[in-house]
Amino acid sequence: MAQGLAIAAACSCIVAGCLFVADGQAQAQTQTAPQSPPAQVTPTPAPAGSTQAAPLSPMQEKALKPKDTFKECANCPEMMVVPPGSFTMGSPTSEPGYSADESPQHKVTIARQFAVGRFEVTFDEWDACAADGGCNGYKPSDEGWGRGRRPVINVSWDDAKAYVAWLSKKTGKSYRLLTGAEYEYATRAGTQTAYPWGNAIGTNNANCHACGSQWDARQTAPVGSFAPNGFGLYDMVGNVEEWMEDCWHALYIGAPADGSAWIEGGDCSSRIVRAGSWFFAPAFLRSAKRYWFTTDYRLNYLGFRVARTLAP
């Protein structure tokens, strides 16, 4: 029943037309005439990060600075350090695409630096988990688009939690999902505009239903195919929706001001997703946009990235 309600609620008419979810698969309908596909764009590979592939020592962890990167096993996600800071969470009613669940706007302060996956979790990383006896041995479909450095899809919140549990056990460190506040803070990277790069969607800034990329409304893009945001993080909007730790709340009334996961008083059978996807209209890629699905939902535009608590 809950899954049926989620399907019904997923029909939203914003900017590019109506977006429908049916029978676990994504289908798109627009109100505009078909356009010629954009010219093919060769993705620019993300620059190499840290070559370390072992759990950080306490001294190494304490020495980390914003934008430092690290990997704690050969097939672990590459992590990037995000600085502490404050921001205004949510969107003003004047922002095109605004939804009531993005209000009231409120100040959130992230008191300590933390680490965020530089990219969305990839099929390579997921498959390494399953091969190592984790992730319940689940091998999600790639829809024929390819595995490797594409973001893992067809994973539920329950699946994502199984992955972070495996990662924490393997490294002995505190890996987890992002909170909604951490996600928005890391996505905005000091901006208060609709998108991390400004107030217009622009061209080839991300992968969505009308973003001007070669993957638009067709499939996922390899991670790192677009420019990073101000914190050096890739694909924080577009490509795949990302699972958050938070339970669903219809408004921000009573939301934590410290960036922690918002659990109390929410519907915890449903969890927050952020970022929009290759299938959704540009308005869904706004930094403030949020939605929800039940914890067992698997779709070909649902993925995640990981976070890591760092020693003070």
Protein backbone atom coordinates (compact mmCIF):
# COMPACT_ATOMS: atom_id res chain seq x y z
CA MET A 1 0.00 0.00 0.00
CA ALA A 2 2.81 2.42 0.97
CA GLN A 3 4.61 1.68 -2.29
CA GLY A 4 1.45 2.40 -4.23
CA LEU A 5 1.08 5.74 -2.46
CA ALA A 6 4.67 6.59 -3.30
CA ILE A 7 4.00 5.84 -6.97
CA ALA A 8 0.95 8.06 -6.98
CA ALA A 9 2.78 10.87 -5.19
CA ALA A 10 5.69 10.75 -7.63
CA CYS A 11 3.65 12.35 -10.44
CA SER A 12 4.85 15.97 -10.47
CA CYS A 13 4.43 18.59 -13.20
CA ILE A 14 7.41 20.94 -12.99
CA VAL A 15 9.10 22.83 -15.84
CA ALA A 16 9.59 20.02 -18.36
CA GLY A 17 6.23 18.30 -17.90
CA CYS A 18 4.79 15.42 -15.95
CA LEU A 19 7.08 12.75 -14.52
CA PHE A 20 5.59 9.33 -13.81
CA VAL A 21 6.80 6.26 -11.95
CA ALA A 22 5.01 3.03 -12.84
CA ASP A 23 5.71 -0.66 -12.10
CA GLY A 24 9.13 0.19 -10.66
CA GLN A 25 10.35 1.71 -13.92
CA ALA A 26 10.73 5.32 -14.99
CA GLN A 27 8.76 6.70 -17.92
CA ALA A 28 8.75 10.33 -19.07
CA GLN A 29 6.16 12.41 -20.89
CA THR A 30 6.63 16.05 -21.83
CA GLN A 31 4.36 18.70 -23.18
CA THR A 32 6.89 19.95 -25.70
CA ALA A 33 7.76 18.66 -29.15
CA PRO A 34 10.70 16.24 -29.37
CA GLN A 35 14.05 17.91 -29.88
CA SER A 36 17.17 16.69 -31.60
CA PRO A 37 19.62 15.07 -29.19
CA PRO A 38 22.46 17.34 -28.07
CA ALA A 39 25.89 16.95 -29.56
CA GLN A 40 27.94 14.22 -27.93
CA VAL A 41 30.19 15.52 -25.19
CA THR A 42 33.29 13.65 -24.16
CA PRO A 43 33.35 13.67 -20.36
CA THR A 44 36.40 15.15 -18.68
CA PRO A 45 37.66 12.64 -16.12
CA ALA A 46 37.79 13.91 -12.57
CA PRO A 47 41.35 14.60 -11.41
CA ALA A 48 43.02 11.91 -9.37
CA GLY A 49 42.71 12.19 -5.61
CA SER A 50 44.56 10.53 -2.78
CA THR A 51 46.26 7.25 -3.56
CA GLN A 52 46.05 6.06 0.06
CA ALA A 53 44.01 2.89 0.41
CA ALA A 54 44.18 2.05 4.11
CA PRO A 55 42.22 3.18 7.19
CA LEU A 56 43.45 6.53 8.47
CA SER A 57 45.49 6.56 11.66
CA PRO A 58 44.25 8.87 14.45
CA MET A 59 47.08 11.29 13.63
CA GLN A 60 46.24 11.30 9.91
CA GLU A 61 42.57 11.86 10.66
CA LYS A 62 43.24 14.80 12.97
CA ALA A 63 45.51 16.38 10.33
CA LEU A 64 42.82 16.43 7.61
CA LYS A 65 41.89 19.78 6.09
CA PRO A 66 38.97 20.82 3.85
CA LYS A 67 39.24 19.38 0.31
CA ASP A 68 41.71 16.70 1.42
CA THR A 69 40.79 13.30 -0.04
CA PHE A 70 41.33 9.75 1.18
CA LYS A 71 40.34 6.13 0.52
CA GLU A 72 40.38 3.57 3.30
CA CYS A 73 40.48 0.43 1.17
CA ALA A 74 41.21 -0.30 -2.49
CA ASN A 75 37.53 -0.53 -3.43
CA CYS A 76 36.19 1.99 -0.91
CA PRO A 77 34.64 5.28 -2.03
CA GLU A 78 36.99 8.23 -2.31
CA MET A 79 36.14 10.71 0.44
CA MET A 80 36.58 14.47 0.50
CA VAL A 81 36.71 16.64 3.62
CA VAL A 82 33.99 19.30 3.88
CA PRO A 83 34.57 22.29 6.18
CA PRO A 84 32.30 23.31 9.06
CA GLY A 85 30.01 26.27 8.55
CA SER A 86 26.47 27.66 8.57
CA PHE A 87 23.87 28.07 5.84
CA THR A 88 20.19 28.77 5.28
CA MET A 89 18.36 25.51 4.58
CA GLY A 90 15.29 25.45 2.34
CA SER A 91 14.15 27.81 -0.38
CA PRO A 92 12.29 31.12 -0.53
CA THR A 93 8.72 31.06 -1.84
CA SER A 94 9.89 33.19 -4.78
CA GLU A 95 12.22 30.47 -6.13
CA PRO A 96 10.86 28.88 -9.32
CA GLY A 97 9.92 25.30 -8.53
CA TYR A 98 9.50 26.04 -4.80
CA SER A 99 7.59 23.43 -2.81
CA ALA A 100 6.02 23.94 0.63
CA ASP A 101 8.10 21.11 2.12
CA GLU A 102 11.20 23.29 1.58
CA SER A 103 9.99 25.72 4.22
CA PRO A 104 10.28 27.40 6.60
CA GLN A 105 13.82 28.40 5.76
CA HIS A 106 16.06 28.05 8.79
CA LYS A 107 19.70 28.41 9.78
CA VAL A 108 21.76 25.24 10.21
CA THR A 109 25.27 25.18 11.67
CA ILE A 110 27.63 22.29 10.95
CA ALA A 111 30.07 22.59 13.83
CA ARG A 112 32.69 20.07 12.71
CA GLN A 113 34.23 19.09 9.41
CA PHE A 114 33.12 15.75 8.01
CA ALA A 115 33.85 13.65 4.93
CA VAL A 116 31.54 13.13 1.96
CA GLY A 117 31.89 10.72 -0.93
CA ARG A 118 33.56 12.64 -3.75
CA PHE A 119 31.27 10.75 -6.13
CA GLU A 120 28.09 8.72 -5.89
CA VAL A 121 28.74 5.10 -4.89
CA THR A 122 29.59 3.24 -8.10
CA PHE A 123 28.81 -0.24 -9.35
CA ASP A 124 32.49 -1.11 -8.88
CA GLU A 125 32.25 -0.21 -5.22
CA TRP A 126 28.92 -1.95 -4.71
CA ASP A 127 30.05 -5.12 -6.48
CA ALA A 128 33.16 -5.21 -4.27
CA CYS A 129 30.88 -5.18 -1.24
CA ALA A 130 28.74 -8.05 -2.56
CA ALA A 131 31.84 -10.09 -3.52
CA ASP A 132 33.21 -9.62 0.00
CA GLY A 133 30.09 -11.08 1.57
CA GLY A 134 28.36 -7.77 2.29
CA CYS A 135 25.33 -5.99 0.83
CA ASN A 136 23.29 -9.20 1.31
CA GLY A 137 24.93 -10.51 -1.85
CA TYR A 138 22.53 -8.36 -3.89
CA LYS A 139 23.56 -7.57 -7.47
CA PRO A 140 21.38 -4.72 -8.75
CA SER A 141 20.57 -4.42 -12.44
CA ASP A 142 22.47 -1.81 -14.43
CA GLU A 143 19.65 -1.65 -17.02
CA GLY A 144 22.19 -2.54 -19.72
CA TRP A 145 23.94 0.83 -19.33
CA GLY A 146 27.13 -0.64 -17.89
CA ARG A 147 28.58 -1.03 -14.41
CA GLY A 148 32.10 0.11 -13.52
CA ARG A 149 32.20 3.85 -12.80
CA ARG A 150 28.49 4.43 -13.29
CA PRO A 151 26.55 5.14 -10.09
CA VAL A 152 24.92 2.08 -8.60
CA ILE A 153 21.14 2.12 -9.17
CA ASN A 154 18.16 -0.03 -8.27
CA VAL A 155 19.17 0.12 -4.61
CA SER A 156 16.77 0.80 -1.74
CA TRP A 157 17.42 2.67 1.50
CA ASP A 158 17.71 -0.73 3.18
CA ASP A 159 20.34 -1.71 0.58
CA ALA A 160 22.27 1.52 1.14
CA LYS A 161 22.30 0.90 4.89
CA ALA A 162 23.66 -2.61 4.28
CA TYR A 163 26.48 -1.07 2.22
CA VAL A 164 27.52 1.47 4.89
CA ALA A 165 27.39 -1.28 7.53
CA TRP A 166 29.82 -3.35 5.42
CA LEU A 167 32.05 -0.33 4.79
CA SER A 168 32.17 0.53 8.50
CA LYS A 169 33.05 -3.04 9.44
CA LYS A 170 35.72 -3.32 6.74
CA THR A 171 37.47 -0.06 7.68
CA GLY A 172 36.68 0.14 11.40
CA LYS A 173 35.45 3.71 10.80
CA SER A 174 32.07 5.47 11.11
CA TYR A 175 30.61 5.44 7.59
CA ARG A 176 26.94 6.33 7.14
CA LEU A 177 24.43 8.04 4.89
CA LEU A 178 24.30 11.83 4.75
CA THR A 179 21.68 13.74 6.66
CA GLY A 180 19.41 16.02 4.66
CA ALA A 181 21.06 19.10 6.18
CA GLU A 182 24.57 17.81 5.45
CA TYR A 183 23.57 17.07 1.88
CA GLU A 184 22.16 20.55 1.26
CA TYR A 185 25.13 22.22 2.95
CA ALA A 186 27.61 20.17 0.91
CA THR A 187 25.62 20.75 -2.30
CA ARG A 188 25.33 24.50 -1.90
CA ALA A 189 29.03 24.81 -1.01
CA GLY A 190 28.54 28.40 0.12
CA THR A 191 25.86 29.34 -2.43
CA GLN A 192 22.22 30.27 -1.83
CA THR A 193 21.18 30.08 -5.49
CA ALA A 194 18.66 27.61 -6.88
CA TYR A 195 21.41 25.38 -8.27
CA PRO A 196 24.98 25.00 -7.04
CA TRP A 197 26.21 26.99 -10.08
CA GLY A 198 23.52 29.72 -10.21
CA ASN A 199 19.81 30.36 -10.67
CA ALA A 200 19.48 28.86 -14.18
CA ILE A 201 19.96 25.22 -15.14
CA GLY A 202 22.36 26.19 -17.93
CA THR A 203 23.78 23.60 -20.33
CA ASN A 204 25.80 20.49 -19.54
CA ASN A 205 26.11 21.21 -15.82
CA ALA A 206 24.43 17.94 -14.83
CA ASN A 207 22.44 14.98 -16.14
CA CYS A 208 18.65 15.47 -16.01
CA HIS A 209 15.58 15.52 -18.24
CA ALA A 210 16.60 18.80 -19.91
CA CYS A 211 20.14 19.62 -18.80
CA GLY A 212 21.78 19.63 -22.23
CA SER A 213 23.96 16.58 -21.60
CA GLN A 214 24.40 13.55 -23.84
CA TRP A 215 22.73 11.33 -21.22
CA ASP A 216 19.60 13.45 -20.62
CA ALA A 217 16.44 11.38 -19.98
CA ARG A 218 18.25 8.28 -21.32
CA GLN A 219 20.53 6.82 -18.66
CA THR A 220 23.05 7.55 -15.94
CA ALA A 221 26.40 9.18 -16.71
CA PRO A 222 29.75 7.91 -15.41
CA VAL A 223 30.50 9.65 -12.13
CA GLY A 224 32.64 12.76 -12.44
CA SER A 225 31.39 13.65 -15.94
CA PHE A 226 30.56 17.25 -14.98
CA ALA A 227 32.38 20.04 -13.18
CA PRO A 228 32.56 19.74 -9.37
CA ASN A 229 30.90 22.18 -7.00
CA GLY A 230 32.70 24.64 -4.74
CA PHE A 231 33.64 21.95 -2.23
CA GLY A 232 35.11 19.72 -4.95
CA LEU A 233 32.21 17.23 -4.92
CA TYR A 234 30.81 15.72 -8.12
CA ASP A 235 27.21 15.07 -9.23
CA MET A 236 25.63 16.49 -6.09
CA VAL A 237 22.59 17.18 -8.26
CA GLY A 238 21.37 15.12 -11.21
CA ASN A 239 22.41 11.64 -12.37
CA VAL A 240 20.75 9.69 -9.52
CA GLU A 241 18.54 10.52 -6.56
CA GLU A 242 20.46 9.92 -3.34
CA TRP A 243 19.13 8.32 -0.16
CA MET A 244 19.42 10.32 3.07
CA GLU A 245 19.30 9.10 6.67
CA ASP A 246 16.33 11.34 7.59
CA CYS A 247 12.74 10.23 8.04
CA TRP A 248 10.09 12.11 6.08
CA HIS A 249 8.61 15.30 7.58
CA ALA A 250 6.21 17.41 5.54
CA LEU A 251 7.61 20.75 6.77
CA TYR A 252 10.80 21.99 8.41
CA ILE A 253 8.99 23.01 11.61
CA GLY A 254 11.09 21.65 14.47
CA ALA A 255 13.99 20.56 12.24
CA PRO A 256 17.40 20.20 13.95
CA ALA A 257 19.66 23.23 13.65
CA ASP A 258 22.92 21.27 14.03
CA GLY A 259 22.88 19.24 10.82
CA SER A 260 21.96 15.97 12.51
CA ALA A 261 19.55 13.42 11.02
CA TRP A 262 15.91 14.33 11.60
CA ILE A 263 14.27 11.19 12.93
CA GLU A 264 11.95 12.16 15.78
CA GLY A 265 8.31 12.73 14.84
CA GLY A 266 8.78 11.66 11.22
CA ASP A 267 7.44 8.87 9.06
CA CYS A 268 10.40 6.49 9.22
CA SER A 269 8.84 3.99 6.83
CA SER A 270 9.79 6.61 4.23
CA ARG A 271 13.21 8.22 3.90
CA ILE A 272 14.35 11.40 2.20
CA VAL A 273 15.92 11.41 -1.27
CA ARG A 274 17.76 14.42 -2.71
CA ALA A 275 19.54 15.50 -5.91
CA GLY A 276 17.11 14.81 -8.77
CA SER A 277 18.22 12.41 -11.49
CA TRP A 278 18.81 11.73 -15.18
CA PHE A 279 15.04 11.27 -15.52
CA PHE A 280 13.68 14.32 -13.69
CA ALA A 281 13.05 17.90 -14.77
CA PRO A 282 15.55 20.63 -13.82
CA ALA A 283 13.44 21.91 -10.91
CA PHE A 284 14.11 18.62 -9.13
CA LEU A 285 17.85 19.41 -9.20
CA ARG A 286 17.52 22.56 -7.09
CA SER A 287 19.72 22.50 -3.99
CA ALA A 288 16.67 22.73 -1.71
CA LYS A 289 14.56 20.06 -3.42
CA ARG A 290 13.69 16.96 -1.43
CA TYR A 291 11.36 14.00 -1.79
CA TRP A 292 10.72 10.60 -0.18
CA PHE A 293 10.30 6.92 -0.94
CA THR A 294 9.57 3.90 1.24
CA THR A 295 12.70 2.17 2.49
CA ASP A 296 12.31 -0.89 0.24
CA TYR A 297 11.95 1.08 -3.01
CA ARG A 298 14.33 0.18 -5.87
CA LEU A 299 14.31 2.27 -9.04
CA ASN A 300 16.68 2.88 -11.93
CA TYR A 301 17.31 6.44 -10.78
CA LEU A 302 17.84 5.71 -7.06
CA GLY A 303 21.40 5.55 -5.71
CA PHE A 304 23.37 7.09 -2.84
CA ARG A 305 26.69 8.41 -1.60
CA VAL A 306 28.32 7.99 1.79
CA ALA A 307 29.48 10.24 4.60
CA ARG A 308 32.02 9.69 7.34
CA THR A 309 32.21 11.24 10.78
CA LEU A 310 35.74 12.56 11.50
CA ALA A 311 37.57 12.81 14.81
CA PRO A 312 37.46 16.31 16.32
